[in-house]
Amino acid sequence: MIRVEDMIRELPGELQDEVRDFVQFLLDRRVRRKQAKLRLSWAGGLTEFREQYTALELQKRALGWWAGEVPR
């Protein structure tokens, strides 16, 4: 099996730069994902509909609202 480093060395300089940029992008994205924290600021935001809808109906309606559908 050919090592990644050996394959990169065979590329012309500008393509080596692209590989380096892509690897940096992947590393940055990984760090951002580790730093992302779940926010629960929306918790309780649908309590006013508790008596009108079941949990499943609320879930479907909420998905529709987030997609930009007009509530009925």
PDB file of N, CA and C in Angstrom:
ATOM      1  N   MET A   1       0.840  -1.179   0.000  1.00  0.00           N
ATOM      2  CA  MET A   1       0.000   0.000   0.000  1.00  0.00           C
ATOM      3  C   MET A   1       0.889   1.248   0.000  1.00  0.00           C
ATOM      4  N   ILE A   2       0.544   2.195  -0.855  1.00  0.00           N
ATOM      5  CA  ILE A   2       1.316   3.435  -0.966  1.00  0.00           C
ATOM      6  C   ILE A   2       0.903   4.391   0.145  1.00  0.00           C
ATOM      7  N   ARG A   3       1.883   4.982   0.795  1.00  0.00           N
ATOM      8  CA  ARG A   3       1.595   5.938   1.865  1.00  0.00           C
ATOM      9  C   ARG A   3       1.103   7.249   1.279  1.00  0.00           C
ATOM     10  N   VAL A   4       0.259   7.914   2.009  1.00  0.00           N
ATOM     11  CA  VAL A   4      -0.309   9.189   1.561  1.00  0.00           C
ATOM     12  C   VAL A   4       0.803  10.202   1.302  1.00  0.00           C
ATOM     13  N   GLU A   5       1.770  10.251   2.177  1.00  0.00           N
ATOM     14  CA  GLU A   5       2.872  11.203   2.020  1.00  0.00           C
ATOM     15  C   GLU A   5       3.599  10.994   0.693  1.00  0.00           C
ATOM     16  N   ASP A   6       3.790   9.733   0.310  1.00  0.00           N
ATOM     17  CA  ASP A   6       4.474   9.432  -0.947  1.00  0.00           C
ATOM     18  C   ASP A   6       3.632   9.869  -2.145  1.00  0.00           C
ATOM     19  N   MET A   7       2.339   9.657  -2.059  1.00  0.00           N
ATOM     20  CA  MET A   7       1.463  10.091  -3.159  1.00  0.00           C
ATOM     21  C   MET A   7       1.484  11.611  -3.294  1.00  0.00           C
ATOM     22  N   ILE A   8       1.463  12.310  -2.168  1.00  0.00           N
ATOM     23  CA  ILE A   8       1.472  13.775  -2.206  1.00  0.00           C
ATOM     24  C   ILE A   8       2.771  14.290  -2.809  1.00  0.00           C
ATOM     25  N   ARG A   9       3.884  13.652  -2.500  1.00  0.00           N
ATOM     26  CA  ARG A   9       5.181  14.068  -3.054  1.00  0.00           C
ATOM     27  C   ARG A   9       5.210  13.963  -4.581  1.00  0.00           C
ATOM     28  N   GLU A  10       4.418  13.061  -5.132  1.00  0.00           N
ATOM     29  CA  GLU A  10       4.383  12.889  -6.591  1.00  0.00           C
ATOM     30  C   GLU A  10       3.569  13.978  -7.296  1.00  0.00           C
ATOM     31  N   LEU A  11       2.779  14.732  -6.542  1.00  0.00           N
ATOM     32  CA  LEU A  11       1.958  15.785  -7.131  1.00  0.00           C
ATOM     33  C   LEU A  11       2.793  17.024  -7.423  1.00  0.00           C
ATOM     34  N   PRO A  12       2.374  17.817  -8.431  1.00  0.00           N
ATOM     35  CA  PRO A  12       3.039  19.109  -8.653  1.00  0.00           C
ATOM     36  C   PRO A  12       2.798  20.039  -7.460  1.00  0.00           C
ATOM     37  N   GLY A  13       3.619  21.045  -7.330  1.00  0.00           N
ATOM     38  CA  GLY A  13       3.574  21.950  -6.176  1.00  0.00           C
ATOM     39  C   GLY A  13       2.218  22.556  -5.880  1.00  0.00           C
ATOM     40  N   GLU A  14       1.511  23.029  -6.932  1.00  0.00           N
ATOM     41  CA  GLU A  14       0.211  23.678  -6.681  1.00  0.00           C
ATOM     42  C   GLU A  14      -0.823  22.677  -6.166  1.00  0.00           C
ATOM     43  N   LEU A  15      -0.727  21.434  -6.606  1.00  0.00           N
ATOM     44  CA  LEU A  15      -1.652  20.415  -6.095  1.00  0.00           C
ATOM     45  C   LEU A  15      -1.286  20.010  -4.667  1.00  0.00           C
ATOM     46  N   GLN A  16      -0.009  20.033  -4.349  1.00  0.00           N
ATOM     47  CA  GLN A  16       0.395  19.782  -2.964  1.00  0.00           C
ATOM     48  C   GLN A  16      -0.190  20.860  -2.054  1.00  0.00           C
ATOM     49  N   ASP A  17      -0.202  22.110  -2.556  1.00  0.00           N
ATOM     50  CA  ASP A  17      -0.803  23.205  -1.782  1.00  0.00           C
ATOM     51  C   ASP A  17      -2.296  22.957  -1.568  1.00  0.00           C
ATOM     52  N   GLU A  18      -2.991  22.467  -2.599  1.00  0.00           N
ATOM     53  CA  GLU A  18      -4.420  22.170  -2.469  1.00  0.00           C
ATOM     54  C   GLU A  18      -4.662  21.072  -1.444  1.00  0.00           C
ATOM     55  N   VAL A  19      -3.823  20.065  -1.469  1.00  0.00           N
ATOM     56  CA  VAL A  19      -3.953  18.970  -0.495  1.00  0.00           C
ATOM     57  C   VAL A  19      -3.752  19.525   0.910  1.00  0.00           C
ATOM     58  N   ARG A  20      -2.743  20.350   1.085  1.00  0.00           N
ATOM     59  CA  ARG A  20      -2.461  20.953   2.390  1.00  0.00           C
ATOM     60  C   ARG A  20      -3.657  21.786   2.858  1.00  0.00           C
ATOM     61  N   ASP A  21      -4.239  22.589   1.950  1.00  0.00           N
ATOM     62  CA  ASP A  21      -5.408  23.398   2.295  1.00  0.00           C
ATOM     63  C   ASP A  21      -6.594  22.519   2.683  1.00  0.00           C
ATOM     64  N   PHE A  22      -6.796  21.437   1.940  1.00  0.00           N
ATOM     65  CA  PHE A  22      -7.912  20.550   2.229  1.00  0.00           C
ATOM     66  C   PHE A  22      -7.743  19.870   3.583  1.00  0.00           C
ATOM     67  N   VAL A  23      -6.538  19.424   3.876  1.00  0.00           N
ATOM     68  CA  VAL A  23      -6.278  18.796   5.172  1.00  0.00           C
ATOM     69  C   VAL A  23      -6.513  19.806   6.290  1.00  0.00           C
ATOM     70  N   GLN A  24      -6.084  21.047   6.093  1.00  0.00           N
ATOM     71  CA  GLN A  24      -6.309  22.088   7.097  1.00  0.00           C
ATOM     72  C   GLN A  24      -7.809  22.321   7.298  1.00  0.00           C
ATOM     73  N   PHE A  25      -8.566  22.330   6.203  1.00  0.00           N
ATOM     74  CA  PHE A  25     -10.025  22.472   6.278  1.00  0.00           C
ATOM     75  C   PHE A  25     -10.634  21.348   7.116  1.00  0.00           C
ATOM     76  N   LEU A  26     -10.214  20.114   6.867  1.00  0.00           N
ATOM     77  CA  LEU A  26     -10.737  18.978   7.624  1.00  0.00           C
ATOM     78  C   LEU A  26     -10.406  19.089   9.106  1.00  0.00           C
ATOM     79  N   LEU A  27      -9.193  19.503   9.410  1.00  0.00           N
ATOM     80  CA  LEU A  27      -8.794  19.664  10.814  1.00  0.00           C
ATOM     81  C   LEU A  27      -9.595  20.769  11.490  1.00  0.00           C
ATOM     82  N   ASP A  28      -9.769  21.893  10.801  1.00  0.00           N
ATOM     83  CA  ASP A  28     -10.544  23.008  11.355  1.00  0.00           C
ATOM     84  C   ASP A  28     -11.989  22.594  11.599  1.00  0.00           C
ATOM     85  N   ARG A  29     -12.573  21.867  10.660  1.00  0.00           N
ATOM     86  CA  ARG A  29     -13.958  21.420  10.787  1.00  0.00           C
ATOM     87  C   ARG A  29     -14.111  20.481  11.975  1.00  0.00           C
ATOM     88  N   ARG A  30     -13.130  19.625  12.157  1.00  0.00           N
ATOM     89  CA  ARG A  30     -13.176  18.677  13.282  1.00  0.00           C
ATOM     90  C   ARG A  30     -13.125  19.413  14.610  1.00  0.00           C
ATOM     91  N   VAL A  31     -12.281  20.422  14.702  1.00  0.00           N
ATOM     92  CA  VAL A  31     -12.167  21.212  15.922  1.00  0.00           C
ATOM     93  C   VAL A  31     -13.473  21.948  16.189  1.00  0.00           C
ATOM     94  N   ARG A  32     -14.071  22.534  15.152  1.00  0.00           N
ATOM     95  CA  ARG A  32     -15.342  23.254  15.324  1.00  0.00           C
ATOM     96  C   ARG A  32     -16.426  22.322  15.844  1.00  0.00           C
ATOM     97  N   ARG A  33     -16.474  21.095  15.328  1.00  0.00           N
ATOM     98  CA  ARG A  33     -17.490  20.145  15.780  1.00  0.00           C
ATOM     99  C   ARG A  33     -17.306  19.786  17.243  1.00  0.00           C
ATOM    100  N   LYS A  34     -16.057  19.644  17.670  1.00  0.00           N
ATOM    101  CA  LYS A  34     -15.791  19.307  19.077  1.00  0.00           C
ATOM    102  C   LYS A  34     -16.188  20.464  19.991  1.00  0.00           C
ATOM    103  N   GLN A  35     -16.062  21.696  19.498  1.00  0.00           N
ATOM    104  CA  GLN A  35     -16.365  22.864  20.320  1.00  0.00           C
ATOM    105  C   GLN A  35     -17.847  23.180  20.345  1.00  0.00           C
ATOM    106  N   ALA A  36     -18.597  22.696  19.375  1.00  0.00           N
ATOM    107  CA  ALA A  36     -20.029  23.002  19.305  1.00  0.00           C
ATOM    108  C   ALA A  36     -20.748  22.370  20.489  1.00  0.00           C
ATOM    109  N   LYS A  37     -21.596  23.163  21.111  1.00  0.00           N
ATOM    110  CA  LYS A  37     -22.356  22.664  22.243  1.00  0.00           C
ATOM    111  C   LYS A  37     -23.834  22.775  21.920  1.00  0.00           C
ATOM    112  N   LEU A  38     -24.592  21.826  22.413  1.00  0.00           N
ATOM    113  CA  LEU A  38     -26.020  21.819  22.205  1.00  0.00           C
ATOM    114  C   LEU A  38     -26.653  22.912  23.052  1.00  0.00           C
ATOM    115  N   ARG A  39     -27.433  23.762  22.400  1.00  0.00           N
ATOM    116  CA  ARG A  39     -28.140  24.810  23.126  1.00  0.00           C
ATOM    117  C   ARG A  39     -29.580  24.379  23.317  1.00  0.00           C
ATOM    118  N   LEU A  40     -30.117  24.645  24.462  1.00  0.00           N
ATOM    119  CA  LEU A  40     -31.497  24.282  24.750  1.00  0.00           C
ATOM    120  C   LEU A  40     -32.356  25.528  24.974  1.00  0.00           C
ATOM    121  N   SER A  41     -32.008  26.617  24.313  1.00  0.00           N
ATOM    122  CA  SER A  41     -32.746  27.866  24.489  1.00  0.00           C
ATOM    123  C   SER A  41     -34.178  27.754  23.971  1.00  0.00           C
ATOM    124  N   TRP A  42     -34.457  26.779  23.149  1.00  0.00           N
ATOM    125  CA  TRP A  42     -35.795  26.582  22.587  1.00  0.00           C
ATOM    126  C   TRP A  42     -36.692  25.766  23.515  1.00  0.00           C
ATOM    127  N   ALA A  43     -36.123  25.161  24.551  1.00  0.00           N
ATOM    128  CA  ALA A  43     -36.879  24.260  25.427  1.00  0.00           C
ATOM    129  C   ALA A  43     -38.110  24.958  25.985  1.00  0.00           C
ATOM    130  N   GLY A  44     -39.243  24.310  25.871  1.00  0.00           N
ATOM    131  CA  GLY A  44     -40.500  24.860  26.371  1.00  0.00           C
ATOM    132  C   GLY A  44     -41.164  25.819  25.410  1.00  0.00           C
ATOM    133  N   GLY A  45     -40.584  25.997  24.246  1.00  0.00           N
ATOM    134  CA  GLY A  45     -41.113  26.961  23.280  1.00  0.00           C
ATOM    135  C   GLY A  45     -42.450  26.579  22.666  1.00  0.00           C
ATOM    136  N   LEU A  46     -42.857  25.336  22.810  1.00  0.00           N
ATOM    137  CA  LEU A  46     -44.129  24.898  22.220  1.00  0.00           C
ATOM    138  C   LEU A  46     -45.170  24.530  23.280  1.00  0.00           C
ATOM    139  N   THR A  47     -44.934  24.925  24.530  1.00  0.00           N
ATOM    140  CA  THR A  47     -45.860  24.534  25.595  1.00  0.00           C
ATOM    141  C   THR A  47     -47.264  25.076  25.396  1.00  0.00           C
ATOM    142  N   GLU A  48     -47.399  26.179  24.694  1.00  0.00           N
ATOM    143  CA  GLU A  48     -48.735  26.745  24.477  1.00  0.00           C
ATOM    144  C   GLU A  48     -49.598  25.817  23.616  1.00  0.00           C
ATOM    145  N   PHE A  49     -48.983  24.905  22.895  1.00  0.00           N
ATOM    146  CA  PHE A  49     -49.720  23.988  22.029  1.00  0.00           C
ATOM    147  C   PHE A  49     -49.937  22.616  22.667  1.00  0.00           C
ATOM    148  N   ARG A  50     -49.534  22.473  23.921  1.00  0.00           N
ATOM    149  CA  ARG A  50     -49.555  21.178  24.602  1.00  0.00           C
ATOM    150  C   ARG A  50     -50.943  20.538  24.601  1.00  0.00           C
ATOM    151  N   GLU A  51     -51.972  21.325  24.839  1.00  0.00           N
ATOM    152  CA  GLU A  51     -53.331  20.783  24.931  1.00  0.00           C
ATOM    153  C   GLU A  51     -53.965  20.569  23.558  1.00  0.00           C
ATOM    154  N   GLN A  52     -53.456  21.222  22.536  1.00  0.00           N
ATOM    155  CA  GLN A  52     -54.049  21.130  21.194  1.00  0.00           C
ATOM    156  C   GLN A  52     -53.559  19.931  20.396  1.00  0.00           C
ATOM    157  N   TYR A  53     -52.292  19.555  20.575  1.00  0.00           N
ATOM    158  CA  TYR A  53     -51.670  18.568  19.705  1.00  0.00           C
ATOM    159  C   TYR A  53     -50.977  17.479  20.519  1.00  0.00           C
ATOM    160  N   THR A  54     -50.838  16.314  19.897  1.00  0.00           N
ATOM    161  CA  THR A  54     -50.013  15.261  20.500  1.00  0.00           C
ATOM    162  C   THR A  54     -48.550  15.608  20.251  1.00  0.00           C
ATOM    163  N   ALA A  55     -47.650  14.896  20.906  1.00  0.00           N
ATOM    164  CA  ALA A  55     -46.224  15.141  20.722  1.00  0.00           C
ATOM    165  C   ALA A  55     -45.816  14.928  19.265  1.00  0.00           C
ATOM    166  N   LEU A  56     -46.366  13.895  18.631  1.00  0.00           N
ATOM    167  CA  LEU A  56     -46.030  13.620  17.234  1.00  0.00           C
ATOM    168  C   LEU A  56     -46.541  14.729  16.322  1.00  0.00           C
ATOM    169  N   GLU A  57     -47.759  15.187  16.558  1.00  0.00           N
ATOM    170  CA  GLU A  57     -48.298  16.282  15.739  1.00  0.00           C
ATOM    171  C   GLU A  57     -47.471  17.552  15.921  1.00  0.00           C
ATOM    172  N   LEU A  58     -47.068  17.816  17.154  1.00  0.00           N
ATOM    173  CA  LEU A  58     -46.225  18.986  17.403  1.00  0.00           C
ATOM    174  C   LEU A  58     -44.887  18.883  16.690  1.00  0.00           C
ATOM    175  N   GLN A  59     -44.318  17.692  16.704  1.00  0.00           N
ATOM    176  CA  GLN A  59     -43.039  17.491  16.022  1.00  0.00           C
ATOM    177  C   GLN A  59     -43.190  17.769  14.531  1.00  0.00           C
ATOM    178  N   LYS A  60     -44.245  17.236  13.927  1.00  0.00           N
ATOM    179  CA  LYS A  60     -44.468  17.457  12.493  1.00  0.00           C
ATOM    180  C   LYS A  60     -44.711  18.931  12.194  1.00  0.00           C
ATOM    181  N   ARG A  61     -45.510  19.586  13.017  1.00  0.00           N
ATOM    182  CA  ARG A  61     -45.779  21.013  12.800  1.00  0.00           C
ATOM    183  C   ARG A  61     -44.511  21.846  12.980  1.00  0.00           C
ATOM    184  N   ALA A  62     -43.725  21.534  14.002  1.00  0.00           N
ATOM    185  CA  ALA A  62     -42.492  22.286  14.237  1.00  0.00           C
ATOM    186  C   ALA A  62     -41.545  22.152  13.052  1.00  0.00           C
ATOM    187  N   LEU A  63     -41.442  20.956  12.506  1.00  0.00           N
ATOM    188  CA  LEU A  63     -40.596  20.766  11.320  1.00  0.00           C
ATOM    189  C   LEU A  63     -41.101  21.602  10.157  1.00  0.00           C
ATOM    190  N   GLY A  64     -42.407  21.654  10.008  1.00  0.00           N
ATOM    191  CA  GLY A  64     -42.990  22.481   8.956  1.00  0.00           C
ATOM    192  C   GLY A  64     -42.723  23.958   9.174  1.00  0.00           C
ATOM    193  N   TRP A  65     -42.842  24.411  10.424  1.00  0.00           N
ATOM    194  CA  TRP A  65     -42.583  25.823  10.717  1.00  0.00           C
ATOM    195  C   TRP A  65     -41.142  26.179  10.430  1.00  0.00           C
ATOM    196  N   TRP A  66     -40.223  25.284  10.804  1.00  0.00           N
ATOM    197  CA  TRP A  66     -38.806  25.542  10.539  1.00  0.00           C
ATOM    198  C   TRP A  66     -38.522  25.568   9.045  1.00  0.00           C
ATOM    199  N   ALA A  67     -39.318  24.825   8.278  1.00  0.00           N
ATOM    200  CA  ALA A  67     -39.123  24.810   6.818  1.00  0.00           C
ATOM    201  C   ALA A  67     -39.782  26.001   6.149  1.00  0.00           C
ATOM    202  N   GLY A  68     -40.474  26.816   6.941  1.00  0.00           N
ATOM    203  CA  GLY A  68     -41.081  28.027   6.382  1.00  0.00           C
ATOM    204  C   GLY A  68     -42.528  27.883   6.001  1.00  0.00           C
ATOM    205  N   GLU A  69     -43.170  26.779   6.365  1.00  0.00           N
ATOM    206  CA  GLU A  69     -44.584  26.609   6.063  1.00  0.00           C
ATOM    207  C   GLU A  69     -45.403  27.505   6.990  1.00  0.00           C
ATOM    208  N   VAL A  70     -46.524  27.967   6.488  1.00  0.00           N
ATOM    209  CA  VAL A  70     -47.397  28.838   7.266  1.00  0.00           C
ATOM    210  C   VAL A  70     -48.255  27.971   8.189  1.00  0.00           C
ATOM    211  N   PRO A  71     -48.269  28.290   9.496  1.00  0.00           N
ATOM    212  CA  PRO A  71     -49.098  27.502  10.424  1.00  0.00           C
ATOM    213  C   PRO A  71     -50.574  27.700  10.150  1.00  0.00           C
ATOM    214  N   ARG A  72     -51.354  26.634  10.370  1.00  0.00           N
ATOM    215  CA  ARG A  72     -52.813  26.711  10.178  1.00  0.00           C
ATOM    216  C   ARG A  72     -53.483  26.986  11.479  1.00  0.00           C
TER     217      ARG A  72
END
